[in-house]
Amino acid sequence: MAEHTSSSITIEAAPADVMGVIADFARYPEWTGEVKEAEVLETDGSGRAEKVRLLLDAGAIKDDHTLAYTWTGADEVSWTLVKSQMLRSLDGSYRLAALGGDRTEVTYQLTVDVKIPMLGMIKRKAEKVIIDRALAGLKKRVESGS
């Protein structure tokens, strides 16, 4: 069974503002670092992305893949892998928790399984790097108001 990696960060913004940045896939290449291209392929009745193609370059993990997104209320989004060249699975989520005022705790959870053999500790390190960079980029993006 695959183990997941997770981390949290506090962002000085309301949950709705944080989720607005998370849901804006077209702008991911501007702040994530690892995502070089993002294309929304399908949306739901509310206009939220249901299927997104991402071109990823995260050092040890480079891939062109498609993810299916599930939105749970206004405070959680999760995803699963639909199609990939290099990955066997990619499951993750962002969960937001209001901390009062305009502060939000964001927890990012990720599980990656690659098709090529990779030592567990190297895979977990890659997951941790992806998560830490994504959370730092998200915090910077939201707090800068871009």
N, C-alpha and C. Protein backbone atom coordinates (compact mmCIF):
# COMPACT_ATOMS: atom_id res chain seq x y z
N MET A 1 0.84 -1.18 0.00
CA MET A 1 0.00 0.00 0.00
C MET A 1 0.88 1.24 0.00
N ALA A 2 0.53 2.21 -0.83
CA ALA A 2 1.30 3.43 -0.94
C ALA A 2 1.08 4.32 0.28
N GLU A 3 2.17 4.91 0.76
CA GLU A 3 2.08 5.85 1.87
C GLU A 3 1.93 7.24 1.29
N HIS A 4 1.21 8.09 2.03
CA HIS A 4 1.07 9.46 1.55
C HIS A 4 1.99 10.39 2.34
N THR A 5 2.27 11.51 1.73
CA THR A 5 3.06 12.56 2.34
C THR A 5 2.15 13.76 2.48
N SER A 6 2.22 14.46 3.62
CA SER A 6 1.39 15.65 3.77
C SER A 6 2.14 16.72 4.54
N SER A 7 1.71 17.95 4.35
CA SER A 7 2.28 19.09 5.04
C SER A 7 1.24 20.19 5.07
N SER A 8 1.39 21.12 6.03
CA SER A 8 0.45 22.22 6.17
C SER A 8 1.19 23.54 6.25
N ILE A 9 0.47 24.62 5.91
CA ILE A 9 1.01 25.97 5.99
C ILE A 9 -0.14 26.91 6.33
N THR A 10 0.18 28.01 6.99
CA THR A 10 -0.83 29.02 7.29
C THR A 10 -0.65 30.17 6.30
N ILE A 11 -1.76 30.57 5.69
CA ILE A 11 -1.75 31.65 4.71
C ILE A 11 -2.60 32.79 5.25
N GLU A 12 -2.09 34.01 5.13
CA GLU A 12 -2.78 35.20 5.62
C GLU A 12 -3.81 35.65 4.58
N ALA A 13 -4.89 34.88 4.48
CA ALA A 13 -5.98 35.19 3.55
C ALA A 13 -7.18 34.32 3.91
N ALA A 14 -8.34 34.74 3.47
CA ALA A 14 -9.57 33.98 3.71
C ALA A 14 -9.55 32.69 2.88
N PRO A 15 -10.21 31.62 3.35
CA PRO A 15 -10.24 30.37 2.59
C PRO A 15 -10.71 30.55 1.14
N ALA A 16 -11.70 31.40 0.91
CA ALA A 16 -12.21 31.59 -0.46
C ALA A 16 -11.13 32.15 -1.38
N ASP A 17 -10.29 33.05 -0.85
CA ASP A 17 -9.20 33.61 -1.66
C ASP A 17 -8.15 32.55 -1.98
N VAL A 18 -7.86 31.70 -1.00
CA VAL A 18 -6.89 30.62 -1.21
C VAL A 18 -7.44 29.63 -2.25
N MET A 19 -8.70 29.23 -2.11
CA MET A 19 -9.28 28.28 -3.05
C MET A 19 -9.36 28.88 -4.45
N GLY A 20 -9.56 30.19 -4.53
CA GLY A 20 -9.59 30.86 -5.84
C GLY A 20 -8.29 30.67 -6.59
N VAL A 21 -7.16 30.75 -5.88
CA VAL A 21 -5.86 30.55 -6.51
C VAL A 21 -5.67 29.07 -6.86
N ILE A 22 -6.07 28.17 -5.96
CA ILE A 22 -5.95 26.73 -6.22
C ILE A 22 -6.76 26.33 -7.45
N ALA A 23 -7.93 26.92 -7.62
CA ALA A 23 -8.83 26.55 -8.73
C ALA A 23 -8.45 27.19 -10.06
N ASP A 24 -7.52 28.12 -10.07
CA ASP A 24 -7.12 28.83 -11.29
C ASP A 24 -5.96 28.10 -11.97
N PHE A 25 -6.28 26.97 -12.59
CA PHE A 25 -5.25 26.09 -13.16
C PHE A 25 -4.42 26.76 -14.25
N ALA A 26 -5.03 27.63 -15.03
CA ALA A 26 -4.31 28.28 -16.13
C ALA A 26 -3.09 29.05 -15.64
N ARG A 27 -3.12 29.50 -14.39
CA ARG A 27 -2.03 30.31 -13.85
C ARG A 27 -1.02 29.48 -13.03
N TYR A 28 -1.21 28.17 -12.94
CA TYR A 28 -0.28 27.33 -12.18
C TYR A 28 1.18 27.51 -12.61
N PRO A 29 1.48 27.58 -13.92
CA PRO A 29 2.89 27.73 -14.31
C PRO A 29 3.53 29.00 -13.75
N GLU A 30 2.73 29.98 -13.37
CA GLU A 30 3.26 31.23 -12.83
C GLU A 30 3.76 31.09 -11.39
N TRP A 31 3.23 30.10 -10.63
CA TRP A 31 3.59 30.04 -9.22
C TRP A 31 3.99 28.67 -8.68
N THR A 32 3.72 27.59 -9.39
CA THR A 32 4.02 26.28 -8.81
C THR A 32 5.47 25.84 -8.99
N GLY A 33 6.12 26.31 -10.03
CA GLY A 33 7.49 25.86 -10.28
C GLY A 33 7.53 24.57 -11.06
N GLU A 34 6.84 23.51 -10.59
CA GLU A 34 6.89 22.21 -11.25
C GLU A 34 5.94 22.11 -12.45
N VAL A 35 4.82 22.82 -12.41
CA VAL A 35 3.85 22.74 -13.50
C VAL A 35 4.27 23.71 -14.60
N LYS A 36 4.60 23.17 -15.76
CA LYS A 36 5.04 23.98 -16.89
C LYS A 36 3.88 24.37 -17.80
N GLU A 37 2.84 23.54 -17.85
CA GLU A 37 1.64 23.82 -18.63
C GLU A 37 0.44 23.24 -17.90
N ALA A 38 -0.71 23.92 -18.01
CA ALA A 38 -1.95 23.41 -17.43
C ALA A 38 -3.09 23.75 -18.37
N GLU A 39 -3.92 22.75 -18.66
CA GLU A 39 -5.04 22.94 -19.57
C GLU A 39 -6.28 22.25 -18.99
N VAL A 40 -7.34 23.03 -18.75
CA VAL A 40 -8.59 22.47 -18.26
C VAL A 40 -9.28 21.80 -19.44
N LEU A 41 -9.56 20.50 -19.31
CA LEU A 41 -10.18 19.72 -20.38
C LEU A 41 -11.70 19.61 -20.21
N GLU A 42 -12.16 19.57 -18.96
CA GLU A 42 -13.59 19.46 -18.67
C GLU A 42 -13.91 20.25 -17.41
N THR A 43 -15.14 20.83 -17.37
CA THR A 43 -15.59 21.54 -16.18
C THR A 43 -16.96 21.01 -15.76
N ASP A 44 -17.32 21.25 -14.49
CA ASP A 44 -18.63 20.83 -13.99
C ASP A 44 -19.63 21.97 -14.22
N GLY A 45 -20.85 21.79 -13.77
CA GLY A 45 -21.91 22.77 -13.95
C GLY A 45 -21.62 24.11 -13.30
N SER A 46 -20.74 24.12 -12.31
CA SER A 46 -20.36 25.36 -11.61
C SER A 46 -19.15 26.03 -12.25
N GLY A 47 -18.62 25.42 -13.30
CA GLY A 47 -17.45 25.98 -13.97
C GLY A 47 -16.13 25.57 -13.35
N ARG A 48 -16.16 24.68 -12.35
CA ARG A 48 -14.93 24.21 -11.73
C ARG A 48 -14.33 23.07 -12.57
N ALA A 49 -13.03 23.02 -12.60
CA ALA A 49 -12.33 22.01 -13.39
C ALA A 49 -12.63 20.61 -12.87
N GLU A 50 -12.95 19.71 -13.79
CA GLU A 50 -13.13 18.29 -13.44
C GLU A 50 -11.99 17.45 -13.99
N LYS A 51 -11.43 17.87 -15.12
CA LYS A 51 -10.31 17.13 -15.73
C LYS A 51 -9.30 18.16 -16.23
N VAL A 52 -8.03 17.97 -15.83
CA VAL A 52 -6.99 18.92 -16.16
C VAL A 52 -5.75 18.17 -16.65
N ARG A 53 -5.16 18.66 -17.76
CA ARG A 53 -3.90 18.12 -18.27
C ARG A 53 -2.78 19.00 -17.74
N LEU A 54 -1.76 18.36 -17.15
CA LEU A 54 -0.63 19.09 -16.59
C LEU A 54 0.69 18.54 -17.14
N LEU A 55 1.57 19.45 -17.51
CA LEU A 55 2.92 19.08 -17.90
C LEU A 55 3.80 19.40 -16.70
N LEU A 56 4.35 18.36 -16.07
CA LEU A 56 5.07 18.48 -14.80
C LEU A 56 6.55 18.21 -14.99
N ASP A 57 7.38 19.04 -14.34
CA ASP A 57 8.82 18.80 -14.27
C ASP A 57 9.23 19.05 -12.83
N ALA A 58 9.31 17.98 -12.04
CA ALA A 58 9.66 18.07 -10.62
C ALA A 58 10.97 17.34 -10.35
N GLY A 59 11.96 17.57 -11.20
CA GLY A 59 13.26 16.92 -11.01
C GLY A 59 13.20 15.44 -11.32
N ALA A 60 13.06 14.62 -10.27
CA ALA A 60 13.02 13.16 -10.45
C ALA A 60 11.75 12.71 -11.16
N ILE A 61 10.71 13.53 -11.12
CA ILE A 61 9.44 13.17 -11.74
C ILE A 61 9.10 14.18 -12.83
N LYS A 62 9.12 13.71 -14.09
CA LYS A 62 8.74 14.54 -15.24
C LYS A 62 7.63 13.79 -15.94
N ASP A 63 6.53 14.49 -16.26
CA ASP A 63 5.41 13.78 -16.85
C ASP A 63 4.41 14.73 -17.49
N ASP A 64 3.68 14.20 -18.45
CA ASP A 64 2.52 14.85 -19.06
C ASP A 64 1.35 13.98 -18.64
N HIS A 65 0.47 14.50 -17.77
CA HIS A 65 -0.59 13.65 -17.24
C HIS A 65 -1.91 14.41 -17.13
N THR A 66 -2.97 13.63 -16.95
CA THR A 66 -4.31 14.19 -16.79
C THR A 66 -4.85 13.74 -15.43
N LEU A 67 -5.42 14.71 -14.70
CA LEU A 67 -5.99 14.44 -13.39
C LEU A 67 -7.49 14.73 -13.39
N ALA A 68 -8.24 13.94 -12.60
CA ALA A 68 -9.67 14.17 -12.39
C ALA A 68 -9.82 14.80 -11.01
N TYR A 69 -10.54 15.92 -10.95
CA TYR A 69 -10.70 16.67 -9.69
C TYR A 69 -12.11 16.50 -9.13
N THR A 70 -12.18 16.41 -7.79
CA THR A 70 -13.44 16.34 -7.06
C THR A 70 -13.44 17.47 -6.05
N TRP A 71 -14.47 18.30 -6.11
CA TRP A 71 -14.60 19.45 -5.21
C TRP A 71 -15.60 19.11 -4.12
N THR A 72 -15.17 19.24 -2.86
CA THR A 72 -16.03 18.95 -1.72
C THR A 72 -16.28 20.26 -0.99
N GLY A 73 -17.47 20.82 -1.19
CA GLY A 73 -17.78 22.11 -0.60
C GLY A 73 -16.83 23.17 -1.10
N ALA A 74 -16.61 24.18 -0.27
CA ALA A 74 -15.75 25.30 -0.65
C ALA A 74 -14.33 25.15 -0.09
N ASP A 75 -14.10 24.08 0.71
CA ASP A 75 -12.84 23.99 1.44
C ASP A 75 -11.97 22.79 1.11
N GLU A 76 -12.34 21.99 0.12
CA GLU A 76 -11.52 20.82 -0.20
C GLU A 76 -11.61 20.48 -1.68
N VAL A 77 -10.46 20.13 -2.24
CA VAL A 77 -10.40 19.60 -3.59
C VAL A 77 -9.42 18.43 -3.57
N SER A 78 -9.80 17.35 -4.24
CA SER A 78 -8.91 16.18 -4.33
C SER A 78 -8.80 15.78 -5.79
N TRP A 79 -7.78 14.99 -6.08
CA TRP A 79 -7.57 14.57 -7.46
C TRP A 79 -7.01 13.16 -7.52
N THR A 80 -7.27 12.52 -8.67
CA THR A 80 -6.74 11.19 -8.96
C THR A 80 -6.24 11.19 -10.41
N LEU A 81 -5.31 10.31 -10.66
CA LEU A 81 -4.72 10.20 -11.99
C LEU A 81 -5.66 9.53 -12.96
N VAL A 82 -5.79 10.12 -14.15
CA VAL A 82 -6.59 9.54 -15.23
C VAL A 82 -5.66 8.90 -16.26
N LYS A 83 -4.61 9.64 -16.63
CA LYS A 83 -3.71 9.19 -17.70
C LYS A 83 -2.32 9.77 -17.45
N SER A 84 -1.29 8.97 -17.73
CA SER A 84 0.07 9.42 -17.51
C SER A 84 1.05 8.62 -18.35
N GLN A 85 2.19 9.24 -18.64
CA GLN A 85 3.27 8.52 -19.32
C GLN A 85 4.17 7.82 -18.30
N MET A 86 4.39 8.47 -17.15
CA MET A 86 5.37 7.96 -16.20
C MET A 86 4.77 7.49 -14.88
N LEU A 87 3.61 7.99 -14.52
CA LEU A 87 3.04 7.71 -13.21
C LEU A 87 2.03 6.56 -13.24
N ARG A 88 2.06 5.76 -12.20
CA ARG A 88 1.07 4.69 -12.02
C ARG A 88 -0.14 5.26 -11.26
N SER A 89 0.14 6.14 -10.29
CA SER A 89 -0.94 6.81 -9.55
C SER A 89 -0.44 8.16 -9.06
N LEU A 90 -1.38 9.06 -8.89
CA LEU A 90 -1.11 10.38 -8.33
C LEU A 90 -2.41 10.84 -7.69
N ASP A 91 -2.46 10.72 -6.38
CA ASP A 91 -3.65 11.10 -5.63
C ASP A 91 -3.25 12.19 -4.65
N GLY A 92 -4.09 13.20 -4.54
CA GLY A 92 -3.76 14.27 -3.63
C GLY A 92 -4.97 15.08 -3.25
N SER A 93 -4.76 16.03 -2.35
CA SER A 93 -5.84 16.93 -1.95
C SER A 93 -5.28 18.17 -1.29
N TYR A 94 -6.07 19.23 -1.39
CA TYR A 94 -5.88 20.44 -0.60
C TYR A 94 -7.09 20.52 0.32
N ARG A 95 -6.85 20.69 1.62
CA ARG A 95 -7.93 20.91 2.58
C ARG A 95 -7.67 22.24 3.27
N LEU A 96 -8.68 23.09 3.30
CA LEU A 96 -8.55 24.41 3.90
C LEU A 96 -9.32 24.46 5.21
N ALA A 97 -8.75 25.13 6.22
CA ALA A 97 -9.41 25.32 7.50
C ALA A 97 -9.26 26.78 7.91
N ALA A 98 -10.40 27.46 8.09
CA ALA A 98 -10.37 28.85 8.53
C ALA A 98 -9.82 28.92 9.95
N LEU A 99 -8.90 29.85 10.19
CA LEU A 99 -8.29 29.99 11.52
C LEU A 99 -8.80 31.25 12.23
N GLY A 100 -9.73 31.93 11.63
CA GLY A 100 -10.22 33.18 12.21
C GLY A 100 -9.53 34.36 11.56
N GLY A 101 -10.25 35.46 11.50
CA GLY A 101 -9.69 36.60 10.78
C GLY A 101 -9.51 36.20 9.33
N ASP A 102 -8.47 36.69 8.72
CA ASP A 102 -8.16 36.30 7.35
C ASP A 102 -6.94 35.39 7.35
N ARG A 103 -7.08 34.24 8.03
CA ARG A 103 -6.00 33.25 8.09
C ARG A 103 -6.57 31.89 7.77
N THR A 104 -5.84 31.13 6.97
CA THR A 104 -6.28 29.81 6.54
C THR A 104 -5.15 28.82 6.67
N GLU A 105 -5.45 27.66 7.27
CA GLU A 105 -4.47 26.57 7.27
C GLU A 105 -4.76 25.71 6.05
N VAL A 106 -3.73 25.48 5.24
CA VAL A 106 -3.86 24.66 4.04
C VAL A 106 -3.05 23.39 4.26
N THR A 107 -3.71 22.25 4.12
CA THR A 107 -3.03 20.95 4.22
C THR A 107 -3.04 20.31 2.84
N TYR A 108 -1.86 19.95 2.38
CA TYR A 108 -1.68 19.33 1.07
C TYR A 108 -1.23 17.89 1.33
N GLN A 109 -1.96 16.94 0.78
CA GLN A 109 -1.62 15.52 0.91
C GLN A 109 -1.36 14.97 -0.48
N LEU A 110 -0.34 14.12 -0.63
CA LEU A 110 0.03 13.61 -1.94
C LEU A 110 0.55 12.18 -1.84
N THR A 111 0.13 11.35 -2.77
CA THR A 111 0.66 10.01 -2.93
C THR A 111 1.01 9.82 -4.40
N VAL A 112 2.25 9.48 -4.67
CA VAL A 112 2.73 9.30 -6.04
C VAL A 112 3.27 7.89 -6.18
N ASP A 113 2.94 7.23 -7.28
CA ASP A 113 3.55 5.94 -7.59
C ASP A 113 4.00 6.00 -9.05
N VAL A 114 5.27 5.75 -9.28
CA VAL A 114 5.82 5.84 -10.63
C VAL A 114 5.92 4.45 -11.26
N LYS A 115 5.90 4.44 -12.60
CA LYS A 115 5.98 3.17 -13.33
C LYS A 115 7.38 2.58 -13.30
N ILE A 116 8.39 3.44 -13.19
CA ILE A 116 9.77 2.95 -13.13
C ILE A 116 10.14 2.66 -11.68
N PRO A 117 11.03 1.72 -11.44
CA PRO A 117 11.42 1.43 -10.06
C PRO A 117 12.09 2.64 -9.42
N MET A 118 11.67 2.97 -8.20
CA MET A 118 12.26 4.08 -7.46
C MET A 118 12.22 3.73 -5.98
N LEU A 119 13.34 3.92 -5.31
CA LEU A 119 13.38 3.65 -3.88
C LEU A 119 12.33 4.48 -3.14
N GLY A 120 11.70 3.86 -2.15
CA GLY A 120 10.65 4.53 -1.39
C GLY A 120 11.08 5.85 -0.81
N MET A 121 12.32 5.91 -0.27
CA MET A 121 12.75 7.16 0.35
C MET A 121 12.98 8.25 -0.68
N ILE A 122 13.39 7.88 -1.89
CA ILE A 122 13.57 8.87 -2.96
C ILE A 122 12.20 9.38 -3.41
N LYS A 123 11.23 8.48 -3.53
CA LYS A 123 9.88 8.85 -3.93
C LYS A 123 9.25 9.79 -2.89
N ARG A 124 9.40 9.45 -1.61
CA ARG A 124 8.84 10.31 -0.56
C ARG A 124 9.52 11.67 -0.52
N LYS A 125 10.84 11.69 -0.80
CA LYS A 125 11.55 12.97 -0.84
C LYS A 125 11.01 13.81 -2.00
N ALA A 126 10.77 13.18 -3.14
CA ALA A 126 10.21 13.91 -4.29
C ALA A 126 8.82 14.44 -3.94
N GLU A 127 7.99 13.61 -3.27
CA GLU A 127 6.66 14.06 -2.84
C GLU A 127 6.78 15.27 -1.92
N LYS A 128 7.70 15.19 -0.97
CA LYS A 128 7.89 16.27 0.01
C LYS A 128 8.32 17.56 -0.69
N VAL A 129 9.22 17.45 -1.65
CA VAL A 129 9.68 18.62 -2.40
C VAL A 129 8.51 19.23 -3.17
N ILE A 130 7.70 18.40 -3.82
CA ILE A 130 6.54 18.89 -4.57
C ILE A 130 5.59 19.62 -3.63
N ILE A 131 5.28 19.01 -2.50
CA ILE A 131 4.34 19.60 -1.53
C ILE A 131 4.89 20.92 -0.98
N ASP A 132 6.14 20.90 -0.51
CA ASP A 132 6.71 22.10 0.10
C ASP A 132 6.79 23.26 -0.89
N ARG A 133 7.19 22.97 -2.11
CA ARG A 133 7.26 24.03 -3.13
C ARG A 133 5.87 24.54 -3.48
N ALA A 134 4.91 23.62 -3.59
CA ALA A 134 3.54 24.03 -3.92
C ALA A 134 2.94 24.89 -2.82
N LEU A 135 3.12 24.50 -1.56
CA LEU A 135 2.58 25.29 -0.45
C LEU A 135 3.26 26.66 -0.35
N ALA A 136 4.57 26.70 -0.51
CA ALA A 136 5.29 27.98 -0.46
C ALA A 136 4.85 28.87 -1.62
N GLY A 137 4.71 28.29 -2.80
CA GLY A 137 4.26 29.06 -3.97
C GLY A 137 2.84 29.55 -3.80
N LEU A 138 1.97 28.70 -3.25
CA LEU A 138 0.58 29.08 -3.01
C LEU A 138 0.52 30.24 -2.01
N LYS A 139 1.26 30.13 -0.92
CA LYS A 139 1.28 31.18 0.10
C LYS A 139 1.74 32.51 -0.51
N LYS A 140 2.84 32.47 -1.25
CA LYS A 140 3.38 33.68 -1.87
C LYS A 140 2.38 34.28 -2.85
N ARG A 141 1.76 33.42 -3.66
CA ARG A 141 0.82 33.88 -4.68
C ARG A 141 -0.40 34.53 -4.03
N VAL A 142 -1.00 33.85 -3.04
CA VAL A 142 -2.21 34.37 -2.39
C VAL A 142 -1.90 35.66 -1.63
N GLU A 143 -0.83 35.66 -0.86
CA GLU A 143 -0.53 36.82 -0.02
C GLU A 143 -0.06 38.03 -0.83
N SER A 144 0.44 37.81 -2.05
CA SER A 144 0.86 38.93 -2.89
C SER A 144 -0.34 39.56 -3.61
N GLY A 145 -1.48 38.83 -3.61
CA GLY A 145 -2.68 39.34 -4.27
C GLY A 145 -2.63 39.26 -5.78
N SER A 146 -1.69 38.49 -6.33
CA SER A 146 -1.57 38.37 -7.79
C SER A 146 -2.70 37.56 -8.39
